[in-house]
């Protein structure tokens, strides 16, 4: 959403936007203790990985063509990560589904957000009255 200006739309599903926090909160304690013993703290790791975070870049895809969907009980990529991206992207459409990381495959909320965004980008035909989505 920030590097390719010619994208028709962007839909981020379960977006991991803070790789440092994901690592530090999910790594084995021995790994983080080992890094800490070498003087590498979470803040250092965060500064190192900041350039690869979508939060470090401004989106260039038009607002109505950006969307996010995420699970409210995702333990792989916590919901706060999707919320952070939503705020950074100036609050585009977002779909929260009742499930974990891989539940999106059958989540109607994710499908709805995807379809709405594809329609906004003229990549799907407009819905007609009485036609189910």
C-alpha atoms as a PDB file:
ATOM      1  CA  UNK A   1       0.000   0.000   0.000  1.00  0.00           C
ATOM      2  CA  UNK A   2       2.995   2.282   0.435  1.00  0.00           C
ATOM      3  CA  UNK A   3       5.510   1.253  -2.211  1.00  0.00           C
ATOM      4  CA  UNK A   4       3.483   0.420  -5.321  1.00  0.00           C
ATOM      5  CA  UNK A   5       1.502   3.384  -6.618  1.00  0.00           C
ATOM      6  CA  UNK A   6      -0.171   1.451  -9.421  1.00  0.00           C
ATOM      7  CA  UNK A   7      -1.970  -1.110  -7.241  1.00  0.00           C
ATOM      8  CA  UNK A   8      -5.731  -1.171  -7.766  1.00  0.00           C
ATOM      9  CA  UNK A   9      -6.373  -1.928  -4.096  1.00  0.00           C
ATOM     10  CA  UNK A  10      -4.848  -3.397  -0.945  1.00  0.00           C
ATOM     11  CA  UNK A  11      -6.516  -5.771   1.509  1.00  0.00           C
ATOM     12  CA  UNK A  12      -4.400  -6.708   4.514  1.00  0.00           C
ATOM     13  CA  UNK A  13      -5.494  -9.869   6.283  1.00  0.00           C
ATOM     14  CA  UNK A  14      -4.250 -10.416   9.828  1.00  0.00           C
ATOM     15  CA  UNK A  15      -1.509  -7.855   9.229  1.00  0.00           C
ATOM     16  CA  UNK A  16       1.725  -8.186  11.172  1.00  0.00           C
ATOM     17  CA  UNK A  17       2.885  -4.584  11.453  1.00  0.00           C
ATOM     18  CA  UNK A  18       5.305  -4.723  14.387  1.00  0.00           C
ATOM     19  CA  UNK A  19       7.725  -7.594  13.722  1.00  0.00           C
ATOM     20  CA  UNK A  20       9.846  -6.748  16.753  1.00  0.00           C
ATOM     21  CA  UNK A  21       6.945  -7.049  19.172  1.00  0.00           C
ATOM     22  CA  UNK A  22       5.784 -10.277  17.504  1.00  0.00           C
ATOM     23  CA  UNK A  23       9.240 -11.765  17.940  1.00  0.00           C
ATOM     24  CA  UNK A  24       9.777 -10.526  21.483  1.00  0.00           C
ATOM     25  CA  UNK A  25       6.373 -11.700  22.694  1.00  0.00           C
ATOM     26  CA  UNK A  26       6.440 -15.101  20.950  1.00  0.00           C
ATOM     27  CA  UNK A  27      10.092 -16.178  21.113  1.00  0.00           C
ATOM     28  CA  UNK A  28      11.277 -18.676  23.649  1.00  0.00           C
ATOM     29  CA  UNK A  29      12.472 -17.027  26.843  1.00  0.00           C
ATOM     30  CA  UNK A  30      15.956 -18.439  26.280  1.00  0.00           C
ATOM     31  CA  UNK A  31      16.195 -16.512  23.000  1.00  0.00           C
ATOM     32  CA  UNK A  32      15.171 -13.168  24.480  1.00  0.00           C
ATOM     33  CA  UNK A  33      17.361 -13.711  27.560  1.00  0.00           C
ATOM     34  CA  UNK A  34      20.303 -14.533  25.310  1.00  0.00           C
ATOM     35  CA  UNK A  35      19.761 -11.377  23.264  1.00  0.00           C
ATOM     36  CA  UNK A  36      19.368  -9.299  26.426  1.00  0.00           C
ATOM     37  CA  UNK A  37      22.616 -10.759  27.804  1.00  0.00           C
ATOM     38  CA  UNK A  38      24.346  -9.504  24.645  1.00  0.00           C
ATOM     39  CA  UNK A  39      22.916  -6.025  25.183  1.00  0.00           C
ATOM     40  CA  UNK A  40      20.188  -6.317  22.596  1.00  0.00           C
ATOM     41  CA  UNK A  41      16.966  -5.050  24.099  1.00  0.00           C
ATOM     42  CA  UNK A  42      13.481  -5.017  22.635  1.00  0.00           C
ATOM     43  CA  UNK A  43      13.850  -1.306  21.831  1.00  0.00           C
ATOM     44  CA  UNK A  44      17.046  -1.996  19.857  1.00  0.00           C
ATOM     45  CA  UNK A  45      15.349  -4.778  17.940  1.00  0.00           C
ATOM     46  CA  UNK A  46      12.368  -2.513  17.282  1.00  0.00           C
ATOM     47  CA  UNK A  47      14.604   0.215  15.829  1.00  0.00           C
ATOM     48  CA  UNK A  48      16.367  -2.368  13.661  1.00  0.00           C
ATOM     49  CA  UNK A  49      13.103  -3.741  12.252  1.00  0.00           C
ATOM     50  CA  UNK A  50      11.220  -0.436  11.986  1.00  0.00           C
ATOM     51  CA  UNK A  51      12.027   0.023   8.260  1.00  0.00           C
ATOM     52  CA  UNK A  52      10.157  -3.187   7.359  1.00  0.00           C
ATOM     53  CA  UNK A  53       7.025  -2.197   9.260  1.00  0.00           C
ATOM     54  CA  UNK A  54       4.109  -0.838   7.209  1.00  0.00           C
ATOM     55  CA  UNK A  55       3.720   1.716  10.005  1.00  0.00           C
ATOM     56  CA  UNK A  56       6.964   3.365   8.865  1.00  0.00           C
ATOM     57  CA  UNK A  57       5.535   4.288   5.452  1.00  0.00           C
ATOM     58  CA  UNK A  58       2.600   6.357   4.274  1.00  0.00           C
ATOM     59  CA  UNK A  59       0.057   4.574   2.073  1.00  0.00           C
ATOM     60  CA  UNK A  60      -0.215   5.671  -1.564  1.00  0.00           C
ATOM     61  CA  UNK A  61      -3.228   3.550  -2.516  1.00  0.00           C
ATOM     62  CA  UNK A  62      -6.430   5.654  -2.313  1.00  0.00           C
ATOM     63  CA  UNK A  63      -8.262   5.423   1.024  1.00  0.00           C
ATOM     64  CA  UNK A  64     -11.407   3.784  -0.407  1.00  0.00           C
ATOM     65  CA  UNK A  65      -9.248   1.045  -1.902  1.00  0.00           C
ATOM     66  CA  UNK A  66      -7.579   0.032   1.364  1.00  0.00           C
ATOM     67  CA  UNK A  67      -9.052  -2.516   3.748  1.00  0.00           C
ATOM     68  CA  UNK A  68      -8.136  -4.798   6.616  1.00  0.00           C
ATOM     69  CA  UNK A  69      -9.610  -7.912   8.143  1.00  0.00           C
ATOM     70  CA  UNK A  70      -8.488  -9.634  11.319  1.00  0.00           C
ATOM     71  CA  UNK A  71      -9.517 -12.145  13.950  1.00  0.00           C
ATOM     72  CA  UNK A  72     -10.482 -10.865  17.372  1.00  0.00           C
ATOM     73  CA  UNK A  73      -8.815 -13.818  19.125  1.00  0.00           C
ATOM     74  CA  UNK A  74      -5.781 -14.227  16.863  1.00  0.00           C
ATOM     75  CA  UNK A  75      -2.790 -15.279  18.967  1.00  0.00           C
ATOM     76  CA  UNK A  76      -0.341 -15.378  16.048  1.00  0.00           C
ATOM     77  CA  UNK A  77      -0.909 -11.746  15.071  1.00  0.00           C
ATOM     78  CA  UNK A  78      -2.737 -10.047  17.954  1.00  0.00           C
ATOM     79  CA  UNK A  79      -5.672  -7.773  17.039  1.00  0.00           C
ATOM     80  CA  UNK A  80      -3.753  -4.716  18.243  1.00  0.00           C
ATOM     81  CA  UNK A  81      -1.538  -5.086  15.162  1.00  0.00           C
ATOM     82  CA  UNK A  82      -4.520  -4.766  12.789  1.00  0.00           C
ATOM     83  CA  UNK A  83      -5.853  -1.876  14.860  1.00  0.00           C
ATOM     84  CA  UNK A  84      -2.488  -0.087  14.605  1.00  0.00           C
ATOM     85  CA  UNK A  85      -2.509  -0.433  10.820  1.00  0.00           C
ATOM     86  CA  UNK A  86      -6.148   0.703  10.666  1.00  0.00           C
ATOM     87  CA  UNK A  87      -5.244   3.891  12.564  1.00  0.00           C
ATOM     88  CA  UNK A  88      -2.100   4.441  10.455  1.00  0.00           C
ATOM     89  CA  UNK A  89      -4.097   4.037   7.227  1.00  0.00           C
ATOM     90  CA  UNK A  90      -6.598   6.687   8.416  1.00  0.00           C
ATOM     91  CA  UNK A  91      -9.274   4.158   9.394  1.00  0.00           C
ATOM     92  CA  UNK A  92     -10.261   2.439   6.135  1.00  0.00           C
ATOM     93  CA  UNK A  93     -12.928  -0.288   6.085  1.00  0.00           C
ATOM     94  CA  UNK A  94     -12.132  -3.091   8.476  1.00  0.00           C
ATOM     95  CA  UNK A  95     -13.761  -6.438   9.131  1.00  0.00           C
ATOM     96  CA  UNK A  96     -13.345  -8.170  12.470  1.00  0.00           C
ATOM     97  CA  UNK A  97     -14.228 -11.839  12.508  1.00  0.00           C
ATOM     98  CA  UNK A  98     -14.881 -14.013  15.524  1.00  0.00           C
ATOM     99  CA  UNK A  99     -11.946 -16.349  15.253  1.00  0.00           C
ATOM    100  CA  UNK A 100      -8.225 -16.945  15.274  1.00  0.00           C
ATOM    101  CA  UNK A 101      -5.512 -16.594  12.646  1.00  0.00           C
ATOM    102  CA  UNK A 102      -6.644 -19.176  10.098  1.00  0.00           C
ATOM    103  CA  UNK A 103     -10.377 -18.772  10.660  1.00  0.00           C
ATOM    104  CA  UNK A 104     -10.488 -16.020   8.020  1.00  0.00           C
ATOM    105  CA  UNK A 105     -10.827 -18.677   5.327  1.00  0.00           C
ATOM    106  CA  UNK A 106     -14.495 -19.107   6.214  1.00  0.00           C
ATOM    107  CA  UNK A 107     -15.191 -15.746   7.842  1.00  0.00           C
ATOM    108  CA  UNK A 108     -17.991 -13.824   6.098  1.00  0.00           C
ATOM    109  CA  UNK A 109     -16.635 -10.571   7.566  1.00  0.00           C
ATOM    110  CA  UNK A 110     -13.344 -10.994   5.711  1.00  0.00           C
ATOM    111  CA  UNK A 111     -15.115 -11.892   2.487  1.00  0.00           C
ATOM    112  CA  UNK A 112     -17.384  -8.849   2.778  1.00  0.00           C
ATOM    113  CA  UNK A 113     -14.451  -6.465   3.258  1.00  0.00           C
ATOM    114  CA  UNK A 114     -12.612  -8.056   0.343  1.00  0.00           C
ATOM    115  CA  UNK A 115     -15.639  -7.803  -1.968  1.00  0.00           C
ATOM    116  CA  UNK A 116     -16.361  -4.180  -0.990  1.00  0.00           C
ATOM    117  CA  UNK A 117     -12.751  -3.194  -1.640  1.00  0.00           C
ATOM    118  CA  UNK A 118     -12.611  -5.003  -4.983  1.00  0.00           C
ATOM    119  CA  UNK A 119     -15.838  -3.245  -6.005  1.00  0.00           C
ATOM    120  CA  UNK A 120     -14.386   0.134  -4.982  1.00  0.00           C
ATOM    121  CA  UNK A 121     -11.453  -0.616  -7.303  1.00  0.00           C
ATOM    122  CA  UNK A 122     -13.835  -1.677 -10.121  1.00  0.00           C
ATOM    123  CA  UNK A 123     -12.423  -5.188  -9.970  1.00  0.00           C
ATOM    124  CA  UNK A 124     -15.821  -6.785  -9.262  1.00  0.00           C
ATOM    125  CA  UNK A 125     -19.159  -5.859 -10.798  1.00  0.00           C
ATOM    126  CA  UNK A 126     -21.441  -3.703  -8.686  1.00  0.00           C
ATOM    127  CA  UNK A 127     -24.075  -5.511  -6.686  1.00  0.00           C
ATOM    128  CA  UNK A 128     -27.589  -5.322  -8.054  1.00  0.00           C
ATOM    129  CA  UNK A 129     -30.683  -5.262  -5.875  1.00  0.00           C
ATOM    130  CA  UNK A 130     -31.665  -8.715  -4.729  1.00  0.00           C
ATOM    131  CA  UNK A 131     -28.342 -10.313  -5.643  1.00  0.00           C
ATOM    132  CA  UNK A 132     -26.654 -11.989  -2.673  1.00  0.00           C
ATOM    133  CA  UNK A 133     -22.997 -11.169  -2.108  1.00  0.00           C
END
